[in-house]
Amino acid sequence: MERTTVFLDRSTLARAKDFARREGKSFAAVVREALAVYIAAPRRAAGGLPSVSGQFASGQTDGSERVDELLWPDPHH
């Protein structure tokens, strides 16, 4: 392993140290584990569609034409 420096704001540092203490782990172990999980997590491309896009058939074919009506219905009707 190599030593490195990470800059954190005080709140994040305090929360991470508290978490490490509660878990019975070193601060360095918590940072290593958190980075490993973060790096391994799948990411979608910037501007990409959510993974659920196109997964549900509503039967409506005019959704793009009625987007405002569907997403922000008039509460007075």
C-alpha atoms as a PDB file:
ATOM      1  CA  MET A   1       0.000   0.000   0.000  1.00  0.00           C
ATOM      2  CA  GLU A   2       0.999   3.574  -0.556  1.00  0.00           C
ATOM      3  CA  ARG A   3       0.441   6.521   1.736  1.00  0.00           C
ATOM      4  CA  THR A   4      -1.595   9.410   0.355  1.00  0.00           C
ATOM      5  CA  THR A   5      -3.254  12.598   1.555  1.00  0.00           C
ATOM      6  CA  VAL A   6      -6.964  13.294   1.269  1.00  0.00           C
ATOM      7  CA  PHE A   7      -8.527  16.668   2.023  1.00  0.00           C
ATOM      8  CA  LEU A   8     -11.934  16.491   3.744  1.00  0.00           C
ATOM      9  CA  ASP A   9     -14.146  19.107   5.318  1.00  0.00           C
ATOM     10  CA  ARG A  10     -14.398  18.871   9.103  1.00  0.00           C
ATOM     11  CA  SER A  11     -17.904  17.452   9.109  1.00  0.00           C
ATOM     12  CA  THR A  12     -17.080  14.627   6.687  1.00  0.00           C
ATOM     13  CA  LEU A  13     -13.889  13.807   8.558  1.00  0.00           C
ATOM     14  CA  ALA A  14     -15.707  13.688  11.908  1.00  0.00           C
ATOM     15  CA  ARG A  15     -18.490  11.497  10.508  1.00  0.00           C
ATOM     16  CA  ALA A  16     -15.996   9.131   8.867  1.00  0.00           C
ATOM     17  CA  LYS A  17     -13.947   8.807  12.058  1.00  0.00           C
ATOM     18  CA  ASP A  18     -17.096   8.207  14.088  1.00  0.00           C
ATOM     19  CA  PHE A  19     -18.216   5.555  11.606  1.00  0.00           C
ATOM     20  CA  ALA A  20     -14.816   3.847  11.773  1.00  0.00           C
ATOM     21  CA  ARG A  21     -14.945   3.826  15.575  1.00  0.00           C
ATOM     22  CA  ARG A  22     -18.464   2.324  15.608  1.00  0.00           C
ATOM     23  CA  GLU A  23     -17.417  -0.345  13.092  1.00  0.00           C
ATOM     24  CA  GLY A  24     -14.220  -1.143  14.994  1.00  0.00           C
ATOM     25  CA  LYS A  25     -12.099  -0.288  11.962  1.00  0.00           C
ATOM     26  CA  SER A  26      -9.329   2.149  11.269  1.00  0.00           C
ATOM     27  CA  PHE A  27     -10.123   5.364   9.447  1.00  0.00           C
ATOM     28  CA  ALA A  28      -7.833   4.219   6.614  1.00  0.00           C
ATOM     29  CA  ALA A  29      -9.749   0.933   6.278  1.00  0.00           C
ATOM     30  CA  VAL A  30     -13.052   2.803   6.021  1.00  0.00           C
ATOM     31  CA  VAL A  31     -11.640   5.103   3.324  1.00  0.00           C
ATOM     32  CA  ARG A  32     -10.252   2.128   1.358  1.00  0.00           C
ATOM     33  CA  GLU A  33     -13.562   0.255   1.569  1.00  0.00           C
ATOM     34  CA  ALA A  34     -15.612   3.317   0.619  1.00  0.00           C
ATOM     35  CA  LEU A  35     -13.417   4.038  -2.398  1.00  0.00           C
ATOM     36  CA  ALA A  36     -13.553   0.410  -3.520  1.00  0.00           C
ATOM     37  CA  VAL A  37     -17.368   0.434  -3.394  1.00  0.00           C
ATOM     38  CA  TYR A  38     -17.600   3.827  -5.116  1.00  0.00           C
ATOM     39  CA  ILE A  39     -15.250   2.843  -7.921  1.00  0.00           C
ATOM     40  CA  ALA A  40     -16.969  -0.515  -8.491  1.00  0.00           C
ATOM     41  CA  ALA A  41     -20.473   0.998  -8.705  1.00  0.00           C
ATOM     42  CA  PRO A  42     -21.870   1.196 -12.232  1.00  0.00           C
ATOM     43  CA  ARG A  43     -22.277   4.703 -13.597  1.00  0.00           C
ATOM     44  CA  ARG A  44     -24.468   5.971 -16.354  1.00  0.00           C
ATOM     45  CA  ALA A  45     -23.057   8.379 -18.875  1.00  0.00           C
ATOM     46  CA  ALA A  46     -23.704  12.061 -18.317  1.00  0.00           C
ATOM     47  CA  GLY A  47     -27.056  12.859 -19.822  1.00  0.00           C
ATOM     48  CA  GLY A  48     -27.878   9.167 -20.140  1.00  0.00           C
ATOM     49  CA  LEU A  49     -31.281   7.754 -19.413  1.00  0.00           C
ATOM     50  CA  PRO A  50     -32.044   6.041 -16.124  1.00  0.00           C
ATOM     51  CA  SER A  51     -31.805   2.265 -16.207  1.00  0.00           C
ATOM     52  CA  VAL A  52     -35.601   1.935 -15.913  1.00  0.00           C
ATOM     53  CA  SER A  53     -36.194   3.886 -19.106  1.00  0.00           C
ATOM     54  CA  GLY A  54     -38.417   1.915 -21.443  1.00  0.00           C
ATOM     55  CA  GLN A  55     -39.048  -0.863 -18.932  1.00  0.00           C
ATOM     56  CA  PHE A  56     -42.761  -0.253 -18.408  1.00  0.00           C
ATOM     57  CA  ALA A  57     -45.475  -0.229 -21.072  1.00  0.00           C
ATOM     58  CA  SER A  58     -48.194   2.311 -20.270  1.00  0.00           C
ATOM     59  CA  GLY A  59     -50.055   1.884 -23.523  1.00  0.00           C
ATOM     60  CA  GLN A  60     -49.945   5.646 -24.046  1.00  0.00           C
ATOM     61  CA  THR A  61     -48.412   6.698 -27.330  1.00  0.00           C
ATOM     62  CA  ASP A  62     -48.684  10.466 -26.937  1.00  0.00           C
ATOM     63  CA  GLY A  63     -46.588  10.894 -23.783  1.00  0.00           C
ATOM     64  CA  SER A  64     -44.062  13.225 -25.371  1.00  0.00           C
ATOM     65  CA  GLU A  65     -46.848  15.477 -26.657  1.00  0.00           C
ATOM     66  CA  ARG A  66     -48.580  15.558 -23.246  1.00  0.00           C
ATOM     67  CA  VAL A  67     -45.509  15.718 -21.019  1.00  0.00           C
ATOM     68  CA  ASP A  68     -46.548  18.882 -19.157  1.00  0.00           C
ATOM     69  CA  GLU A  69     -50.087  17.608 -18.602  1.00  0.00           C
ATOM     70  CA  LEU A  70     -48.843  14.220 -17.390  1.00  0.00           C
ATOM     71  CA  LEU A  71     -46.068  15.462 -15.113  1.00  0.00           C
ATOM     72  CA  TRP A  72     -47.705  18.601 -13.766  1.00  0.00           C
ATOM     73  CA  PRO A  73     -51.488  18.119 -13.806  1.00  0.00           C
ATOM     74  CA  ASP A  74     -53.674  21.129 -13.100  1.00  0.00           C
ATOM     75  CA  PRO A  75     -54.879  20.661  -9.489  1.00  0.00           C
ATOM     76  CA  HIS A  76     -58.069  22.623 -10.290  1.00  0.00           C
ATOM     77  CA  HIS A  77     -59.445  20.081 -12.790  1.00  0.00           C
END
